[in-house]
All heavy atoms as atom14 arrays in JSON, in Angstrom:
{
  "sequence": "IHKEDYEEWVLAAIYASPNPILRDQLWHNLENMAES",
  "atom14_mask": [
    [1, 1, 1, 1, 1, 1, 1, 1, 0, 0, 0, 0, 0, 0],
    [1, 1, 1, 1, 1, 1, 1, 1, 1, 1, 0, 0, 0, 0],
    [1, 1, 1, 1, 1, 1, 1, 1, 1, 0, 0, 0, 0, 0],
    [1, 1, 1, 1, 1, 1, 1, 1, 1, 0, 0, 0, 0, 0],
    [1, 1, 1, 1, 1, 1, 1, 1, 0, 0, 0, 0, 0, 0],
    [1, 1, 1, 1, 1, 1, 1, 1, 1, 1, 1, 1, 0, 0],
    [1, 1, 1, 1, 1, 1, 1, 1, 1, 0, 0, 0, 0, 0],
    [1, 1, 1, 1, 1, 1, 1, 1, 1, 0, 0, 0, 0, 0],
    [1, 1, 1, 1, 1, 1, 1, 1, 1, 1, 1, 1, 1, 1],
    [1, 1, 1, 1, 1, 1, 1, 0, 0, 0, 0, 0, 0, 0],
    [1, 1, 1, 1, 1, 1, 1, 1, 0, 0, 0, 0, 0, 0],
    [1, 1, 1, 1, 1, 0, 0, 0, 0, 0, 0, 0, 0, 0],
    [1, 1, 1, 1, 1, 0, 0, 0, 0, 0, 0, 0, 0, 0],
    [1, 1, 1, 1, 1, 1, 1, 1, 0, 0, 0, 0, 0, 0],
    [1, 1, 1, 1, 1, 1, 1, 1, 1, 1, 1, 1, 0, 0],
    [1, 1, 1, 1, 1, 0, 0, 0, 0, 0, 0, 0, 0, 0],
    [1, 1, 1, 1, 1, 1, 0, 0, 0, 0, 0, 0, 0, 0],
    [1, 1, 1, 1, 1, 1, 1, 0, 0, 0, 0, 0, 0, 0],
    [1, 1, 1, 1, 1, 1, 1, 1, 0, 0, 0, 0, 0, 0],
    [1, 1, 1, 1, 1, 1, 1, 0, 0, 0, 0, 0, 0, 0],
    [1, 1, 1, 1, 1, 1, 1, 1, 0, 0, 0, 0, 0, 0],
    [1, 1, 1, 1, 1, 1, 1, 1, 0, 0, 0, 0, 0, 0],
    [1, 1, 1, 1, 1, 1, 1, 1, 1, 1, 1, 0, 0, 0],
    [1, 1, 1, 1, 1, 1, 1, 1, 0, 0, 0, 0, 0, 0],
    [1, 1, 1, 1, 1, 1, 1, 1, 1, 0, 0, 0, 0, 0],
    [1, 1, 1, 1, 1, 1, 1, 1, 0, 0, 0, 0, 0, 0],
    [1, 1, 1, 1, 1, 1, 1, 1, 1, 1, 1, 1, 1, 1],
    [1, 1, 1, 1, 1, 1, 1, 1, 1, 1, 0, 0, 0, 0],
    [1, 1, 1, 1, 1, 1, 1, 1, 0, 0, 0, 0, 0, 0],
    [1, 1, 1, 1, 1, 1, 1, 1, 0, 0, 0, 0, 0, 0],
    [1, 1, 1, 1, 1, 1, 1, 1, 1, 0, 0, 0, 0, 0],
    [1, 1, 1, 1, 1, 1, 1, 1, 0, 0, 0, 0, 0, 0],
    [1, 1, 1, 1, 1, 1, 1, 1, 0, 0, 0, 0, 0, 0],
    [1, 1, 1, 1, 1, 0, 0, 0, 0, 0, 0, 0, 0, 0],
    [1, 1, 1, 1, 1, 1, 1, 1, 1, 0, 0, 0, 0, 0],
    [1, 1, 1, 1, 1, 1, 0, 0, 0, 0, 0, 0, 0, 0]
  ],
  "atom14_positions": [
    [[-23.19, 11.27, 48.19], [-23.2, 12.5, 47.41], [-22.94, 13.67, 48.36], [-23.63, 13.81, 49.37], [-24.57, 12.7, 46.71], [-25.06, 11.41, 46.02], [-24.52, 13.9, 45.78], [-24.18, 10.89, 44.92], [0.0, 0.0, 0.0], [0.0, 0.0, 0.0], [0.0, 0.0, 0.0], [0.0, 0.0, 0.0], [0.0, 0.0, 0.0], [0.0, 0.0, 0.0]],
    [[-21.96, 14.5, 48.0], [-21.64, 15.67, 48.83], [-21.58, 16.91, 47.94], [-20.9, 16.91, 46.91], [-20.31, 15.47, 49.54], [-19.9, 16.68, 50.32], [-20.44, 16.99, 51.54], [-19.03, 17.67, 50.02], [-19.92, 18.11, 51.98], [-19.05, 18.55, 51.08], [0.0, 0.0, 0.0], [0.0, 0.0, 0.0], [0.0, 0.0, 0.0], [0.0, 0.0, 0.0]],
    [[-22.31, 17.92, 48.35], [-22.26, 19.23, 47.7], [-22.09, 20.25, 48.8], [-22.77, 20.17, 49.83], [-23.54, 19.48, 46.9], [-23.54, 20.79, 46.15], [-24.76, 20.9, 45.26], [-24.89, 22.24, 44.61], [-24.0, 22.47, 43.5], [0.0, 0.0, 0.0], [0.0, 0.0, 0.0], [0.0, 0.0, 0.0], [0.0, 0.0, 0.0], [0.0, 0.0, 0.0]],
    [[-21.2, 21.19, 48.59], [-20.92, 22.19, 49.62], [-22.21, 22.89, 50.06], [-23.08, 23.2, 49.23], [-19.94, 23.23, 49.06], [-19.36, 24.12, 50.12], [-18.25, 25.0, 49.57], [-17.53, 24.56, 48.65], [-18.13, 26.1, 50.08], [0.0, 0.0, 0.0], [0.0, 0.0, 0.0], [0.0, 0.0, 0.0], [0.0, 0.0, 0.0], [0.0, 0.0, 0.0]],
    [[-22.35, 23.07, 51.35], [-23.5, 23.74, 51.99], [-24.78, 22.9, 51.97], [-25.86, 23.42, 52.22], [-23.79, 25.11, 51.35], [-22.63, 26.06, 51.52], [-21.94, 25.99, 52.56], [-22.4, 26.87, 50.6], [0.0, 0.0, 0.0], [0.0, 0.0, 0.0], [0.0, 0.0, 0.0], [0.0, 0.0, 0.0], [0.0, 0.0, 0.0], [0.0, 0.0, 0.0]],
    [[-24.69, 21.62, 51.63], [-25.85, 20.72, 51.64], [-25.53, 19.49, 52.48], [-24.37, 19.09, 52.59], [-26.23, 20.27, 50.22], [-26.83, 21.37, 49.4], [-26.03, 22.21, 48.64], [-28.21, 21.57, 49.4], [-26.57, 23.23, 47.88], [-28.76, 22.59, 48.63], [-27.94, 23.43, 47.88], [-28.49, 24.43, 47.14], [0.0, 0.0, 0.0], [0.0, 0.0, 0.0]],
    [[-26.57, 18.89, 53.03], [-26.39, 17.67, 53.8], [-25.96, 16.53, 52.87], [-26.48, 16.38, 51.76], [-27.71, 17.3, 54.5], [-27.61, 16.07, 55.37], [-28.93, 15.74, 56.07], [-29.92, 16.49, 55.9], [-28.95, 14.72, 56.77], [0.0, 0.0, 0.0], [0.0, 0.0, 0.0], [0.0, 0.0, 0.0], [0.0, 0.0, 0.0], [0.0, 0.0, 0.0]],
    [[-25.01, 15.74, 53.33], [-24.57, 14.56, 52.58], [-25.69, 13.54, 52.54], [-26.45, 13.38, 53.49], [-23.34, 13.98, 53.3], [-22.46, 13.15, 52.44], [-21.16, 12.81, 53.14], [-21.21, 11.97, 54.06], [-20.13, 13.38, 52.76], [0.0, 0.0, 0.0], [0.0, 0.0, 0.0], [0.0, 0.0, 0.0], [0.0, 0.0, 0.0], [0.0, 0.0, 0.0]],
    [[-25.83, 12.83, 51.4], [-26.86, 11.81, 51.26], [-26.33, 10.64, 50.46], [-25.25, 10.72, 49.88], [-28.14, 12.39, 50.66], [-27.96, 13.04, 49.3], [-27.45, 14.29, 49.05], [-28.28, 12.49, 48.03], [-27.45, 14.52, 47.69], [-27.96, 13.44, 47.05], [-28.82, 11.27, 47.62], [-28.16, 13.22, 45.69], [-29.03, 11.04, 46.26], [-28.7, 12.02, 45.32]],
    [[-27.07, 9.56, 50.45], [-26.64, 8.32, 49.78], [-27.6, 8.0, 48.64], [-28.83, 8.05, 48.8], [-26.59, 7.15, 50.79], [-26.2, 5.85, 50.09], [-25.6, 7.45, 51.92], [0.0, 0.0, 0.0], [0.0, 0.0, 0.0], [0.0, 0.0, 0.0], [0.0, 0.0, 0.0], [0.0, 0.0, 0.0], [0.0, 0.0, 0.0], [0.0, 0.0, 0.0]],
    [[-27.03, 7.66, 47.51], [-27.79, 7.23, 46.34], [-27.53, 5.75, 46.12], [-26.38, 5.31, 46.12], [-27.34, 8.01, 45.09], [-27.86, 7.49, 43.74], [-29.38, 7.65, 43.65], [-27.16, 8.21, 42.6], [0.0, 0.0, 0.0], [0.0, 0.0, 0.0], [0.0, 0.0, 0.0], [0.0, 0.0, 0.0], [0.0, 0.0, 0.0], [0.0, 0.0, 0.0]],
    [[-28.59, 4.99, 45.94], [-28.48, 3.6, 45.5], [-29.1, 3.56, 44.1], [-30.31, 3.67, 43.94], [-29.21, 2.65, 46.43], [0.0, 0.0, 0.0], [0.0, 0.0, 0.0], [0.0, 0.0, 0.0], [0.0, 0.0, 0.0], [0.0, 0.0, 0.0], [0.0, 0.0, 0.0], [0.0, 0.0, 0.0], [0.0, 0.0, 0.0], [0.0, 0.0, 0.0]],
    [[-28.24, 3.48, 43.09], [-28.7, 3.38, 41.69], [-28.86, 1.9, 41.37], [-27.9, 1.13, 41.46], [-27.69, 4.03, 40.76], [0.0, 0.0, 0.0], [0.0, 0.0, 0.0], [0.0, 0.0, 0.0], [0.0, 0.0, 0.0], [0.0, 0.0, 0.0], [0.0, 0.0, 0.0], [0.0, 0.0, 0.0], [0.0, 0.0, 0.0], [0.0, 0.0, 0.0]],
    [[-30.08, 1.5, 41.03], [-30.45, 0.09, 40.93], [-30.71, -0.34, 39.49], [-31.37, 0.36, 38.73], [-31.76, -0.17, 41.73], [-31.65, 0.29, 43.17], [-32.21, -1.62, 41.6], [-30.79, -0.55, 44.05], [0.0, 0.0, 0.0], [0.0, 0.0, 0.0], [0.0, 0.0, 0.0], [0.0, 0.0, 0.0], [0.0, 0.0, 0.0], [0.0, 0.0, 0.0]],
    [[-30.19, -1.49, 39.13], [-30.72, -2.27, 38.01], [-30.84, -3.7, 38.55], [-29.87, -4.45, 38.58], [-29.85, -2.26, 36.75], [-30.45, -3.24, 35.76], [-31.65, -2.93, 35.12], [-29.91, -4.49, 35.56], [-32.26, -3.84, 34.29], [-30.51, -5.41, 34.72], [-31.69, -5.09, 34.09], [-32.31, -5.99, 33.28], [0.0, 0.0, 0.0], [0.0, 0.0, 0.0]],
    [[-32.03, -4.04, 39.01], [-32.26, -5.36, 39.59], [-32.32, -6.41, 38.49], [-32.91, -6.2, 37.44], [-33.55, -5.37, 40.4], [0.0, 0.0, 0.0], [0.0, 0.0, 0.0], [0.0, 0.0, 0.0], [0.0, 0.0, 0.0], [0.0, 0.0, 0.0], [0.0, 0.0, 0.0], [0.0, 0.0, 0.0], [0.0, 0.0, 0.0], [0.0, 0.0, 0.0]],
    [[-31.73, -7.54, 38.77], [-31.72, -8.63, 37.81], [-33.14, -9.14, 37.57], [-33.95, -9.2, 38.5], [-30.87, -9.78, 38.37], [-30.98, -10.91, 37.53], [0.0, 0.0, 0.0], [0.0, 0.0, 0.0], [0.0, 0.0, 0.0], [0.0, 0.0, 0.0], [0.0, 0.0, 0.0], [0.0, 0.0, 0.0], [0.0, 0.0, 0.0], [0.0, 0.0, 0.0]],
    [[-33.44, -9.54, 36.34], [-34.73, -10.19, 36.1], [-34.79, -11.59, 36.73], [-35.87, -12.14, 36.91], [-34.83, -10.27, 34.57], [-33.52, -9.84, 34.03], [-32.69, -9.27, 35.13], [0.0, 0.0, 0.0], [0.0, 0.0, 0.0], [0.0, 0.0, 0.0], [0.0, 0.0, 0.0], [0.0, 0.0, 0.0], [0.0, 0.0, 0.0], [0.0, 0.0, 0.0]],
    [[-33.63, -12.13, 37.1], [-33.58, -13.44, 37.75], [-34.02, -13.27, 39.21], [-33.39, -12.55, 39.98], [-32.14, -13.96, 37.69], [-31.95, -15.28, 38.39], [-32.46, -15.51, 39.49], [-31.19, -16.15, 37.77], [0.0, 0.0, 0.0], [0.0, 0.0, 0.0], [0.0, 0.0, 0.0], [0.0, 0.0, 0.0], [0.0, 0.0, 0.0], [0.0, 0.0, 0.0]],
    [[-35.12, -13.95, 39.61], [-35.65, -13.76, 40.97], [-34.66, -14.09, 42.09], [-34.66, -13.43, 43.13], [-36.86, -14.7, 41.04], [-37.13, -15.14, 39.65], [-35.91, -14.88, 38.83], [0.0, 0.0, 0.0], [0.0, 0.0, 0.0], [0.0, 0.0, 0.0], [0.0, 0.0, 0.0], [0.0, 0.0, 0.0], [0.0, 0.0, 0.0], [0.0, 0.0, 0.0]],
    [[-33.79, -15.06, 41.88], [-32.82, -15.43, 42.93], [-31.81, -14.3, 43.12], [-31.5, -13.92, 44.25], [-32.13, -16.77, 42.58], [-33.15, -17.9, 42.62], [-30.96, -17.05, 43.51], [-32.68, -19.2, 42.03], [0.0, 0.0, 0.0], [0.0, 0.0, 0.0], [0.0, 0.0, 0.0], [0.0, 0.0, 0.0], [0.0, 0.0, 0.0], [0.0, 0.0, 0.0]],
    [[-31.31, -13.75, 42.01], [-30.37, -12.63, 42.11], [-31.06, -11.39, 42.66], [-30.47, -10.64, 43.45], [-29.75, -12.34, 40.75], [-28.88, -13.46, 40.17], [-28.39, -13.09, 38.77], [-27.72, -13.77, 41.09], [0.0, 0.0, 0.0], [0.0, 0.0, 0.0], [0.0, 0.0, 0.0], [0.0, 0.0, 0.0], [0.0, 0.0, 0.0], [0.0, 0.0, 0.0]],
    [[-32.3, -11.16, 42.26], [-33.07, -10.02, 42.77], [-33.28, -10.15, 44.28], [-33.19, -9.17, 45.01], [-34.4, -9.92, 42.02], [-35.03, -8.58, 42.11], [-36.18, -8.37, 41.13], [-37.16, -9.43, 41.16], [-37.45, -10.24, 40.14], [-36.81, -10.12, 38.99], [-38.37, -11.17, 40.25], [0.0, 0.0, 0.0], [0.0, 0.0, 0.0], [0.0, 0.0, 0.0]],
    [[-33.51, -11.38, 44.77], [-33.62, -11.61, 46.22], [-32.34, -11.21, 46.94], [-32.38, -10.62, 48.02], [-33.93, -13.08, 46.51], [-35.36, -13.48, 46.2], [-36.21, -12.58, 46.0], [-35.63, -14.7, 46.16], [0.0, 0.0, 0.0], [0.0, 0.0, 0.0], [0.0, 0.0, 0.0], [0.0, 0.0, 0.0], [0.0, 0.0, 0.0], [0.0, 0.0, 0.0]],
    [[-31.19, -11.51, 46.34], [-29.9, -11.13, 46.95], [-29.78, -9.61, 47.05], [-29.32, -9.09, 48.06], [-28.74, -11.7, 46.13], [-28.63, -13.2, 46.2], [-27.59, -13.75, 45.23], [-26.95, -13.01, 44.48], [-27.42, -15.06, 45.23], [0.0, 0.0, 0.0], [0.0, 0.0, 0.0], [0.0, 0.0, 0.0], [0.0, 0.0, 0.0], [0.0, 0.0, 0.0]],
    [[-30.2, -8.91, 45.99], [-30.17, -7.45, 46.02], [-31.01, -6.92, 47.18], [-30.55, -6.08, 47.95], [-30.69, -6.87, 44.7], [-30.98, -5.37, 44.72], [-29.69, -4.57, 44.83], [-31.8, -4.97, 43.51], [0.0, 0.0, 0.0], [0.0, 0.0, 0.0], [0.0, 0.0, 0.0], [0.0, 0.0, 0.0], [0.0, 0.0, 0.0], [0.0, 0.0, 0.0]],
    [[-32.24, -7.43, 47.3], [-33.13, -6.94, 48.35], [-32.59, -7.29, 49.74], [-32.71, -6.49, 50.68], [-34.54, -7.46, 48.16], [-35.28, -6.62, 47.17], [-35.58, -6.93, 45.88], [-35.77, -5.29, 47.39], [-36.24, -5.88, 45.29], [-36.36, -4.87, 46.2], [-35.76, -4.43, 48.47], [-36.96, -3.61, 46.06], [-36.34, -3.18, 48.34], [-36.94, -2.79, 47.14]],
    [[-31.96, -8.42, 49.88], [-31.35, -8.78, 51.17], [-30.28, -7.74, 51.54], [-30.21, -7.27, 52.68], [-30.76, -10.19, 51.1], [-30.06, -10.61, 52.34], [-30.72, -10.95, 53.5], [-28.74, -10.72, 52.61], [-29.84, -11.25, 54.44], [-28.62, -11.12, 53.92], [0.0, 0.0, 0.0], [0.0, 0.0, 0.0], [0.0, 0.0, 0.0], [0.0, 0.0, 0.0]],
    [[-29.45, -7.38, 50.55], [-28.41, -6.37, 50.78], [-29.01, -5.0, 51.09], [-28.51, -4.29, 51.96], [-27.46, -6.29, 49.59], [-26.63, -7.55, 49.44], [-26.42, -8.29, 50.4], [-26.16, -7.81, 48.23], [0.0, 0.0, 0.0], [0.0, 0.0, 0.0], [0.0, 0.0, 0.0], [0.0, 0.0, 0.0], [0.0, 0.0, 0.0], [0.0, 0.0, 0.0]],
    [[-30.07, -4.62, 50.38], [-30.72, -3.33, 50.64], [-31.33, -3.3, 52.04], [-31.23, -2.29, 52.75], [-31.79, -3.04, 49.59], [-31.3, -2.72, 48.18], [-32.48, -2.62, 47.22], [-30.47, -1.46, 48.16], [0.0, 0.0, 0.0], [0.0, 0.0, 0.0], [0.0, 0.0, 0.0], [0.0, 0.0, 0.0], [0.0, 0.0, 0.0], [0.0, 0.0, 0.0]],
    [[-31.96, -4.41, 52.44], [-32.55, -4.46, 53.78], [-31.47, -4.35, 54.86], [-31.66, -3.65, 55.86], [-33.37, -5.74, 53.95], [-34.66, -5.71, 53.15], [-35.39, -7.04, 53.07], [-34.82, -8.09, 53.45], [-36.54, -7.03, 52.6], [0.0, 0.0, 0.0], [0.0, 0.0, 0.0], [0.0, 0.0, 0.0], [0.0, 0.0, 0.0], [0.0, 0.0, 0.0]],
    [[-30.32, -4.99, 54.66], [-29.2, -4.86, 55.6], [-28.69, -3.42, 55.66], [-28.4, -2.89, 56.74], [-28.06, -5.8, 55.24], [-28.35, -7.24, 55.59], [-29.21, -7.52, 56.42], [-27.67, -8.15, 54.93], [0.0, 0.0, 0.0], [0.0, 0.0, 0.0], [0.0, 0.0, 0.0], [0.0, 0.0, 0.0], [0.0, 0.0, 0.0], [0.0, 0.0, 0.0]],
    [[-28.59, -2.8, 54.5], [-28.11, -1.42, 54.47], [-29.11, -0.48, 55.15], [-28.71, 0.44, 55.86], [-27.88, -0.99, 53.03], [-27.36, 0.42, 52.92], [-26.49, 0.64, 51.4], [-24.84, 0.85, 52.04], [0.0, 0.0, 0.0], [0.0, 0.0, 0.0], [0.0, 0.0, 0.0], [0.0, 0.0, 0.0], [0.0, 0.0, 0.0], [0.0, 0.0, 0.0]],
    [[-30.4, -0.74, 54.97], [-31.44, 0.11, 55.56], [-31.34, 0.13, 57.09], [-31.59, 1.16, 57.71], [-32.82, -0.35, 55.13], [0.0, 0.0, 0.0], [0.0, 0.0, 0.0], [0.0, 0.0, 0.0], [0.0, 0.0, 0.0], [0.0, 0.0, 0.0], [0.0, 0.0, 0.0], [0.0, 0.0, 0.0], [0.0, 0.0, 0.0], [0.0, 0.0, 0.0]],
    [[-30.95, -0.99, 57.66], [-30.85, -1.08, 59.12], [-29.81, -0.12, 59.69], [-29.97, 0.35, 60.83], [-30.5, -2.52, 59.54], [-31.61, -3.49, 59.33], [-31.21, -4.93, 59.66], [-30.1, -5.14, 60.21], [-32.01, -5.84, 59.38], [0.0, 0.0, 0.0], [0.0, 0.0, 0.0], [0.0, 0.0, 0.0], [0.0, 0.0, 0.0], [0.0, 0.0, 0.0]],
    [[-28.78, 0.18, 58.94], [-27.71, 1.04, 59.46], [-27.66, 2.41, 58.77], [-26.74, 3.18, 59.03], [-26.36, 0.34, 59.31], [-26.09, 0.1, 57.95], [0.0, 0.0, 0.0], [0.0, 0.0, 0.0], [0.0, 0.0, 0.0], [0.0, 0.0, 0.0], [0.0, 0.0, 0.0], [0.0, 0.0, 0.0], [0.0, 0.0, 0.0], [0.0, 0.0, 0.0]]
  ]
}
């Protein structure tokens, strides 16, 4: 997200699957993204 005169930031809009295996994949990806 970029707005003039403001610091750029990142939005992660989530709808996690009710399926625990798919939800685990989401969290794995979020944890990887958090590292960088």
